[in-house]
Each structure stands twice: as structure tokens, then as C-alpha cells.
Protein backbone atom coordinates (compact mmCIF):
# COMPACT_ATOMS: atom_id res chain seq x y z
CA MET A 1 136.92 76.65 85.56
CA GLU A 2 136.19 80.04 85.52
CA PHE A 3 138.19 81.68 88.27
CA THR A 4 135.30 83.07 90.54
CA GLN A 5 134.29 79.38 90.78
CA LEU A 6 137.86 78.38 91.94
CA VAL A 7 137.88 80.96 94.54
CA GLN A 8 134.12 79.94 95.75
CA LEU A 9 134.86 76.11 95.83
CA ARG A 10 138.37 76.68 97.89
CA ARG A 11 138.34 74.88 100.89
CA SER A 12 140.62 74.21 104.14
CA ASP A 13 140.51 70.14 103.03
CA TYR A 14 141.64 68.49 105.94
CA ASP A 15 140.86 65.28 104.97
CA ILE A 16 143.13 64.20 102.38
CA ASP A 17 145.23 61.16 101.23
CA ASP A 18 147.89 59.96 98.77
CA GLN A 19 145.68 58.61 96.14
CA VAL A 20 146.19 60.83 93.40
CA THR A 21 146.07 60.49 89.66
CA LEU A 22 148.46 63.10 88.60
CA SER A 23 152.20 62.43 88.29
CA LYS A 24 154.54 64.30 90.83
CA ASN A 25 156.33 65.81 87.61
CA GLU A 26 152.80 67.32 86.39
CA ILE A 27 152.14 68.62 89.98
CA THR A 28 155.39 70.17 90.06
CA GLN A 29 155.51 71.45 86.76
CA MET A 30 152.10 73.43 87.70
CA ILE A 31 153.82 74.75 90.78
CA GLU A 32 156.47 76.22 88.79
CA ASP A 33 154.13 78.03 86.26
CA ILE A 34 152.48 79.62 89.39
CA ILE A 35 155.96 80.55 90.96
CA SER A 36 156.87 82.00 87.28
CA ASN A 37 153.68 84.04 87.32
CA SER A 38 153.31 85.23 90.74
CA PRO A 39 154.04 89.37 91.54
CA THR A 40 156.40 90.43 94.04
CA ALA A 41 156.95 93.77 95.73
CA TYR A 42 159.65 95.67 93.43
CA ASN A 43 159.84 92.23 91.69
CA ALA A 44 162.08 90.90 94.51
CA GLN A 45 161.29 87.11 93.36
CA SER A 46 162.26 86.31 96.99
CA PHE A 47 160.19 83.43 97.74
CA GLN A 48 162.02 79.82 97.95
CA VAL A 49 159.33 76.66 97.85
CA LEU A 50 160.74 73.52 98.94
CA VAL A 51 157.91 70.71 97.21
CA LEU A 52 158.24 67.33 99.44
CA TYR A 53 156.98 63.94 98.28
CA ASP A 54 157.21 60.46 99.79
CA GLU A 55 159.09 60.29 102.89
CA HIS A 56 160.22 63.70 102.73
CA HIS A 57 156.92 65.24 102.95
CA HIS A 58 156.07 62.20 106.63
CA THR A 59 159.62 63.50 107.67
CA LEU A 60 158.11 67.04 107.55
CA TRP A 61 155.39 66.33 109.54
CA ASP A 62 157.26 63.93 112.29
CA ALA A 63 159.75 66.60 112.88
CA LEU A 64 156.95 69.18 113.08
CA GLU A 65 155.10 66.44 115.84
CA ARG A 66 152.08 66.60 113.51
CA GLU A 67 150.24 63.94 111.82
CA GLN A 68 149.88 64.95 108.12
CA PRO A 69 148.14 62.94 105.51
CA GLY A 70 148.53 63.75 101.75
CA PHE A 71 150.36 63.19 98.99
CA GLY A 72 152.69 65.98 99.56
CA THR A 73 153.74 69.46 100.78
CA ILE A 74 154.65 72.66 99.92
CA VAL A 75 156.71 74.67 102.32
CA LEU A 76 156.84 78.30 101.22
CA PHE A 77 159.66 80.61 102.72
CA ALA A 78 160.84 84.05 102.35
CA ASP A 79 164.76 84.29 100.91
CA ASN A 80 165.45 87.13 103.45
CA ASP A 81 168.85 87.57 101.32
CA ALA A 82 166.68 88.02 98.73
CA ILE A 83 165.07 90.76 100.26
CA GLU A 84 168.05 92.55 101.42
CA GLU A 85 169.24 92.83 97.97
CA ARG A 86 165.93 92.89 95.67
CA MET A 87 163.98 94.71 97.79
CA PRO A 88 164.78 98.75 98.02
CA THR A 89 163.09 99.95 101.02
CA THR A 90 162.72 100.30 104.56
CA PRO A 91 162.67 97.05 106.67
CA ASP A 92 159.36 97.61 108.21
CA ARG A 93 158.07 98.14 104.11
CA GLN A 94 160.04 94.71 103.49
CA GLU A 95 158.29 92.65 105.99
CA ILE A 96 155.19 93.97 104.98
CA TYR A 97 156.00 93.26 101.60
CA LYS A 98 157.58 89.68 102.39
CA ASN A 99 153.96 88.43 103.94
CA GLN A 100 152.26 89.86 101.01
CA ASP A 101 154.24 88.22 98.43
CA SER A 102 154.06 84.67 100.08
CA ALA A 103 150.59 85.67 100.60
CA ILE A 104 149.33 85.62 97.08
CA LEU A 105 152.18 82.61 96.07
CA ALA A 106 149.93 80.66 98.66
CA TYR A 107 146.73 81.37 97.33
CA ALA A 108 147.63 81.03 93.73
CA LEU A 109 149.12 77.84 94.47
CA TRP A 110 145.80 76.85 96.77
CA LEU A 111 143.81 77.83 93.81
CA ALA A 112 145.62 75.51 91.11
CA LEU A 113 145.92 72.48 93.21
CA ASN A 114 141.99 73.03 93.62
CA ASN A 115 142.14 73.30 89.73
CA ILE A 116 143.70 69.96 89.59
CA ASN A 117 141.34 68.11 91.86
CA LEU A 118 143.34 68.34 94.61
CA GLY A 119 142.49 69.88 98.02
CA ALA A 120 145.01 71.52 100.58
CA THR A 121 145.30 73.70 103.62
CA LEU A 122 147.59 76.19 104.65
CA HIS A 123 149.35 75.83 108.06
CA HIS A 124 151.76 78.00 109.99
CA PHE A 125 153.31 75.37 112.75
CA ASN A 126 156.51 75.98 114.32
CA ILE A 127 157.24 79.87 113.00
CA GLY A 128 160.24 81.13 114.31
CA ASP A 129 161.62 77.39 114.52
CA ASP A 130 162.53 77.52 111.35
CA HIS A 131 166.29 76.11 111.74
CA LEU A 132 164.95 72.77 112.62
CA VAL A 133 163.16 72.62 108.93
CA ARG A 134 166.67 74.02 107.30
CA ASP A 135 168.73 71.72 109.42
CA LEU A 136 166.82 68.85 108.06
CA PHE A 137 166.62 69.54 104.81
CA ASP A 138 170.05 71.45 104.31
CA LEU A 139 168.56 74.65 103.60
CA PRO A 140 170.04 77.93 103.59
CA ASP A 141 170.07 80.09 106.72
CA SER A 142 168.58 83.04 104.91
CA TRP A 143 165.29 81.05 104.29
CA GLU A 144 162.52 81.94 106.80
CA MET A 145 159.92 79.64 106.77
CA ILE A 146 156.23 81.08 106.09
CA ALA A 147 153.89 78.48 105.48
CA GLN A 148 153.16 74.47 104.87
CA MET A 149 150.65 73.47 102.63
CA PRO A 150 150.25 69.42 102.52
CA PHE A 151 147.88 68.49 99.44
CA GLY A 152 146.61 65.41 98.22
CA ARG A 153 143.28 63.96 97.07
CA VAL A 154 140.08 65.03 98.73
CA VAL A 155 138.75 61.95 100.74
CA LYS A 156 135.58 63.98 102.20
CA PRO A 157 135.18 67.37 101.26
CA THR A 158 134.82 70.25 103.74
CA PRO A 159 131.68 72.01 104.19
CA LYS A 160 131.39 75.78 103.15
CA SER A 161 132.20 77.87 106.18
CA GLU A 162 129.84 80.71 107.32
CA ARG A 163 130.68 83.70 105.60
CA LEU A 164 129.76 87.37 106.71
CA PRO A 165 127.77 89.31 103.91
CA ALA A 166 130.50 90.71 101.51
CA HIS A 167 128.94 94.19 101.68
CA GLN A 168 130.14 94.47 105.46
CA PHE A 169 133.79 94.76 103.73
CA ILE A 170 133.23 96.80 100.99
CA THR A 171 133.03 100.85 100.30
CA VAL A 172 132.12 102.14 97.20
CA LEU A 173 132.39 105.42 96.03
CA GLU A 174 131.33 106.83 92.78
CA ASP A 175 130.40 109.92 90.89
């Protein structure tokens, strides 16, 4: 599928289930490929990704006190130790770059999931309560949870959202 088609077809697919024909290994390999090729400020490579399948997927959503169907969940983290170590700039800029790096990765993962006919949504539940998830899965204290992305087979496609015209957001200067 062409890149612009993927962008146009991406939706927040809430009505998903666990009836996926791809193997966990195939999905995980795709996730690894996206991570390996996602750019980061200063090439800091400061994100961490937790991929949850089966009972681990359900354990996360139970802990977050949310019901979430799906085949799995990708949890995105920023590794603050790696940011401090590999991103030689001011703390204010580190915060900006950390969020940009995570957004690039999340969007790339979302499009890649759509490309293999899986739907996803992006959530920011319990941000600030990172210790809950870190403790649950025995993760390092330096990992700051950024977002959760449940994914699965789309049961009912989400209709396209009403969007403002693109020309309202673009200024073109040319000679």
C-alpha cells in the first residue's frame, strides 16, 4: 500500500478483537523493524517498548482499570537514563525531543499495524503512575510510560473523522 493511502486510512479503531491470523512472532518482528528504523533526536535511541500478548495484555488493562479488547498492546516508554546519557542538550529540549521521538515511533507503529490489516488506538492512561506498570512487569525505574497502543483485528471499521481543510494549516512561500 502507498504511504499516503496508509495515512489516509489510519483510524482510532476501538472495536477490535483477538482474532488475528498473523503470528505473534511476525507482529513482533514488524515492531522490531519499526523500532530499528525510527529516528530520534541526537540518535539517542531512548525509547523502550513493551509488547504484551495473552494474559499480559489483560493484566495491563486490569491494572489500568480499563476494559480493552484486542490481540496485544504495545506500551511506549522513554528511558530517562538514556536521554540523560545520549541527548546532550538542556532538560527543556530533552523533554521536547523525548515527546517527538515517541510520537514518531507511535505513528510509525500505527501505520505499520494498519499495513498488516490490524487496527489500533493510542492511549495515555495513568501517565504519571508509571510505577504501577513498572512494578507490574518489573521494569527499570528510569522508564517513563508515554502511551499504550492496543491492537487487534478490526471488527467494525471506524468512520473517517471530520477534518478541517488542510489549507488552513499550511503557509506556502515561494519565489
